[in-house]
Amino acid sequence: MDIARRLMVSPLFKGMSVEDVGKCFTCSDALCVTYRKGEMIFTEEDEPNKLHILLEGGVRVGYDSFDGNRRVIGTFSSTGDIFGDILLFLGKKEYGVFAQATCETRIVVLPRDFMTGTCVNGCDYHKQLTSNLLMIFAGNAYALNMRLRILSCPTLRQKIAKMLSIYNDRDMTKPIDMTREELAEFLGVTRPSISRELMKMQDDGLVEIKGRKIFVLDPAEIEALN
């Protein structure tokens, strides 16, 4: 029950009680698995047949490129984070990506059949779980669409401006809080390129940089760049 209580923060269990989450784990024969730092949770060749929920620790997801380099496309570090979920329902025989523990990590694993099957008892929590999963997929699709809009901008300055516009409030008063590494990875550029462009934008009076936070100083000009 302690695990169920800790995972209540996950959007997968929104609207469910601790008791419902506990029943969900029992009904699905869920497992709690511990991985050592550097250990693979799943490989690119593994078949997608489980939903993974982070209980504690950290996970990176990526792939091995043809040039022999390992590319990281996502990281997870918060309790309740879900990964490896989309491929569960695409009928693929392989993940095509790997998931690796970045430190000692505990994962709760739900079988795919439990997510796709029909509950013979018609349990309300099973219906809620399915509804929550659809909401998660919709949110992920929306986030991907927003990122594509950002990456489609022709210049780095326009990409940054679009990101500042999308991930902000209406008046652009909320700072963007990301490290240079996170920004570079998100925009698909190098860290030095990000740092140079941000300094130029600050010199031009468009933004103010305080540590890892980026404040918009000229909302009208940022909008004009979009």
Protein backbone atom coordinates (compact mmCIF):
# COMPACT_ATOMS: atom_id res chain seq x y z
CA MET A 1 0.00 0.00 0.00
CA ASP A 2 2.99 2.30 0.56
CA ILE A 3 3.88 2.04 -3.14
CA ALA A 4 0.29 2.83 -4.13
CA ARG A 5 0.31 5.89 -1.88
CA ARG A 6 3.56 7.18 -3.35
CA LEU A 7 2.33 6.75 -6.92
CA MET A 8 -0.83 8.77 -6.34
CA VAL A 9 1.09 11.72 -7.84
CA SER A 10 1.11 10.00 -11.24
CA PRO A 11 -1.47 11.28 -13.77
CA LEU A 12 -2.18 7.62 -14.52
CA PHE A 13 -3.98 7.34 -11.18
CA LYS A 14 -5.82 10.68 -11.21
CA GLY A 15 -9.25 10.43 -9.60
CA MET A 16 -8.45 7.11 -7.93
CA SER A 17 -8.16 6.33 -4.23
CA VAL A 18 -5.14 4.67 -2.64
CA GLU A 19 -7.27 1.55 -2.25
CA ASP A 20 -8.15 1.59 -5.95
CA VAL A 21 -4.50 1.89 -6.94
CA GLY A 22 -3.63 -0.99 -4.63
CA LYS A 23 -6.39 -3.12 -6.18
CA CYS A 24 -5.08 -2.18 -9.62
CA PHE A 25 -1.63 -3.51 -8.73
CA THR A 26 -3.09 -6.72 -7.30
CA CYS A 27 -5.46 -7.32 -10.22
CA SER A 28 -2.75 -6.72 -12.82
CA ASP A 29 0.00 -8.71 -11.07
CA ALA A 30 2.16 -5.59 -11.17
CA LEU A 31 5.80 -5.94 -10.21
CA CYS A 32 8.19 -3.58 -8.44
CA VAL A 33 11.66 -4.06 -9.91
CA THR A 34 14.96 -2.54 -8.73
CA TYR A 35 17.70 -1.68 -11.24
CA ARG A 36 21.32 -0.81 -10.54
CA LYS A 37 22.97 2.28 -12.03
CA GLY A 38 23.69 1.64 -15.70
CA GLU A 39 21.42 -1.41 -15.90
CA MET A 40 19.06 -1.66 -18.85
CA ILE A 41 15.35 -1.58 -18.06
CA PHE A 42 14.60 -2.55 -21.64
CA THR A 43 16.70 -2.66 -24.80
CA GLU A 44 15.97 -1.59 -28.37
CA GLU A 45 15.25 -5.22 -29.31
CA ASP A 46 12.85 -5.98 -26.45
CA GLU A 47 9.14 -6.36 -27.20
CA PRO A 48 6.92 -3.58 -25.80
CA ASN A 49 4.61 -5.45 -23.44
CA LYS A 50 4.82 -3.51 -20.17
CA LEU A 51 3.95 -0.05 -18.87
CA HIS A 52 6.76 1.39 -16.74
CA ILE A 53 6.12 3.79 -13.85
CA LEU A 54 9.05 5.38 -12.03
CA LEU A 55 8.89 4.96 -8.26
CA GLU A 56 12.30 6.38 -7.42
CA GLY A 57 15.63 6.99 -9.11
CA GLY A 58 16.25 8.12 -12.67
CA VAL A 59 15.89 6.81 -16.22
CA ARG A 60 17.21 7.91 -19.59
CA VAL A 61 15.69 6.81 -22.88
CA GLY A 62 17.62 6.85 -26.15
CA TYR A 63 19.04 4.88 -29.03
CA ASP A 64 22.38 3.82 -30.48
CA SER A 65 23.09 5.67 -33.73
CA PHE A 66 24.83 4.26 -36.79
CA ASP A 67 27.99 6.22 -35.96
CA GLY A 68 28.29 4.35 -32.67
CA ASN A 69 27.16 7.21 -30.45
CA ARG A 70 24.40 6.87 -27.90
CA ARG A 71 21.66 9.49 -28.30
CA VAL A 72 19.46 10.41 -25.34
CA ILE A 73 15.96 11.55 -26.29
CA GLY A 74 14.34 11.73 -22.87
CA THR A 75 15.02 11.62 -19.14
CA PHE A 76 12.71 10.78 -16.23
CA SER A 77 13.38 11.55 -12.57
CA SER A 78 10.05 12.24 -10.85
CA THR A 79 7.96 9.70 -8.96
CA GLY A 80 5.02 8.70 -11.14
CA ASP A 81 6.73 9.41 -14.47
CA ILE A 82 5.62 7.00 -17.21
CA PHE A 83 7.85 5.82 -20.05
CA GLY A 84 7.75 3.23 -22.82
CA ASP A 85 3.99 3.71 -23.06
CA ILE A 86 3.27 4.74 -26.67
CA LEU A 87 4.78 1.64 -28.26
CA LEU A 88 2.54 -0.62 -26.19
CA PHE A 89 -0.35 0.02 -28.55
CA LEU A 90 1.35 0.22 -31.95
CA GLY A 91 1.83 -3.51 -32.46
CA LYS A 92 5.60 -3.10 -32.79
CA LYS A 93 7.82 -6.10 -32.11
CA GLU A 94 10.68 -3.97 -30.76
CA TYR A 95 10.97 -0.77 -28.74
CA GLY A 96 13.57 0.74 -31.07
CA VAL A 97 14.88 2.66 -28.05
CA PHE A 98 16.47 1.67 -24.78
CA ALA A 99 15.71 2.67 -21.20
CA GLN A 100 18.60 2.73 -18.73
CA ALA A 101 18.77 3.45 -15.01
CA THR A 102 20.95 6.48 -14.26
CA CYS A 103 21.20 5.53 -10.57
CA GLU A 104 19.68 2.86 -8.36
CA THR A 105 16.10 2.90 -9.56
CA ARG A 106 12.79 1.25 -8.69
CA ILE A 107 10.15 0.75 -11.36
CA VAL A 108 6.55 -0.45 -11.09
CA VAL A 109 5.64 -2.54 -14.13
CA LEU A 110 2.07 -3.07 -15.36
CA PRO A 111 1.44 -5.76 -18.03
CA ARG A 112 0.11 -4.50 -21.36
CA ASP A 113 -2.76 -7.01 -21.31
CA PHE A 114 -4.14 -5.37 -18.18
CA MET A 115 -4.21 -1.99 -19.93
CA THR A 116 -5.83 -3.26 -23.13
CA GLY A 117 -8.13 -5.97 -21.77
CA THR A 118 -11.71 -5.62 -20.61
CA CYS A 119 -12.31 -5.81 -16.88
CA VAL A 120 -14.75 -8.69 -16.33
CA ASN A 121 -15.90 -7.08 -13.09
CA GLY A 122 -16.50 -3.66 -14.65
CA CYS A 123 -14.43 -2.01 -11.91
CA ASP A 124 -14.68 1.77 -11.86
CA TYR A 125 -10.96 2.11 -11.21
CA HIS A 126 -10.17 0.16 -14.39
CA LYS A 127 -12.33 2.53 -16.41
CA GLN A 128 -10.66 5.51 -14.74
CA LEU A 129 -7.22 4.07 -15.48
CA THR A 130 -8.06 3.74 -19.18
CA SER A 131 -9.46 7.27 -19.28
CA ASN A 132 -6.33 8.64 -17.60
CA LEU A 133 -4.09 6.84 -20.06
CA LEU A 134 -5.96 8.41 -22.98
CA MET A 135 -5.52 11.85 -21.39
CA ILE A 136 -1.79 11.20 -21.02
CA PHE A 137 -1.53 10.22 -24.69
CA ALA A 138 -3.45 13.36 -25.70
CA GLY A 139 -1.15 15.52 -23.58
CA ASN A 140 1.95 13.92 -25.08
CA ALA A 141 0.60 14.43 -28.61
CA TYR A 142 -0.10 18.09 -27.85
CA ALA A 143 3.39 18.59 -26.41
CA LEU A 144 4.93 16.98 -29.49
CA ASN A 145 2.88 19.24 -31.75
CA MET A 146 4.10 22.31 -29.84
CA ARG A 147 7.70 21.15 -30.10
CA LEU A 148 7.35 20.61 -33.85
CA ARG A 149 6.06 24.17 -34.18
CA ILE A 150 9.16 25.39 -32.36
CA LEU A 151 11.62 23.27 -34.34
CA SER A 152 10.06 24.34 -37.65
CA CYS A 153 11.22 27.94 -37.10
CA PRO A 154 14.07 28.76 -39.53
CA THR A 155 16.52 30.47 -37.13
CA LEU A 156 17.69 29.72 -33.61
CA ARG A 157 16.46 33.09 -32.38
CA GLN A 158 13.00 32.37 -33.76
CA LYS A 159 13.04 28.92 -32.15
CA ILE A 160 13.85 30.46 -28.77
CA ALA A 161 11.19 33.16 -29.24
CA LYS A 162 8.56 30.58 -30.18
CA MET A 163 9.44 28.49 -27.12
CA LEU A 164 9.25 31.55 -24.85
CA SER A 165 5.86 32.37 -26.34
CA ILE A 166 4.36 28.87 -26.11
CA TYR A 167 5.63 27.93 -22.66
CA ASN A 168 4.60 31.16 -20.95
CA ASP A 169 1.50 32.96 -19.72
CA ARG A 170 -0.42 35.43 -21.86
CA ASP A 171 1.63 38.45 -20.75
CA MET A 172 4.94 36.52 -20.81
CA THR A 173 5.61 37.28 -17.15
CA LYS A 174 6.59 33.73 -16.22
CA PRO A 175 10.29 32.85 -16.66
CA ILE A 176 11.40 29.74 -18.51
CA ASP A 177 13.41 27.59 -16.10
CA MET A 178 15.77 25.28 -18.01
CA THR A 179 19.50 24.60 -17.98
CA ARG A 180 21.54 25.34 -21.10
CA GLU A 181 21.93 21.59 -21.62
CA GLU A 182 18.16 21.08 -21.45
CA LEU A 183 17.57 23.95 -23.87
CA ALA A 184 20.16 22.64 -26.31
CA GLU A 185 18.69 19.13 -26.20
CA PHE A 186 15.14 20.44 -26.61
CA LEU A 187 16.03 22.62 -29.61
CA GLY A 188 18.45 20.14 -31.18
CA VAL A 189 21.48 22.45 -31.13
CA THR A 190 24.76 22.67 -29.23
CA ARG A 191 25.05 24.31 -25.83
CA PRO A 192 27.53 26.99 -27.05
CA SER A 193 25.07 27.99 -29.79
CA ILE A 194 22.28 28.41 -27.23
CA SER A 195 24.50 30.41 -24.88
CA ARG A 196 25.68 32.76 -27.65
CA GLU A 197 22.18 33.43 -28.95
CA LEU A 198 20.74 34.04 -25.49
CA MET A 199 23.50 36.54 -24.73
CA LYS A 200 22.77 38.33 -28.02
CA MET A 201 19.06 38.42 -27.18
CA GLN A 202 19.88 39.82 -23.76
CA ASP A 203 22.14 42.48 -25.31
CA ASP A 204 19.28 43.38 -27.65
CA GLY A 205 16.94 43.89 -24.69
CA LEU A 206 14.66 40.97 -25.55
CA VAL A 207 15.31 38.81 -22.50
CA GLU A 208 17.03 38.85 -19.14
CA ILE A 209 18.97 35.83 -17.93
CA LYS A 210 19.24 35.08 -14.22
CA GLY A 211 20.98 31.77 -13.64
CA ARG A 212 18.93 29.13 -15.44
CA LYS A 213 15.85 31.36 -15.70
CA ILE A 214 14.99 33.35 -18.83
CA PHE A 215 12.70 36.38 -18.40
CA VAL A 216 11.01 38.08 -21.36
CA LEU A 217 11.65 41.86 -21.38
CA ASP A 218 10.04 42.73 -24.72
CA PRO A 219 6.92 40.57 -25.29
CA ALA A 220 5.92 42.47 -28.44
CA GLU A 221 9.25 41.82 -30.14
CA ILE A 222 9.26 38.18 -29.04
CA GLU A 223 5.80 37.77 -30.60
CA ALA A 224 6.99 39.52 -33.76
CA LEU A 225 9.74 36.93 -34.14
CA ASN A 226 7.21 34.07 -34.15
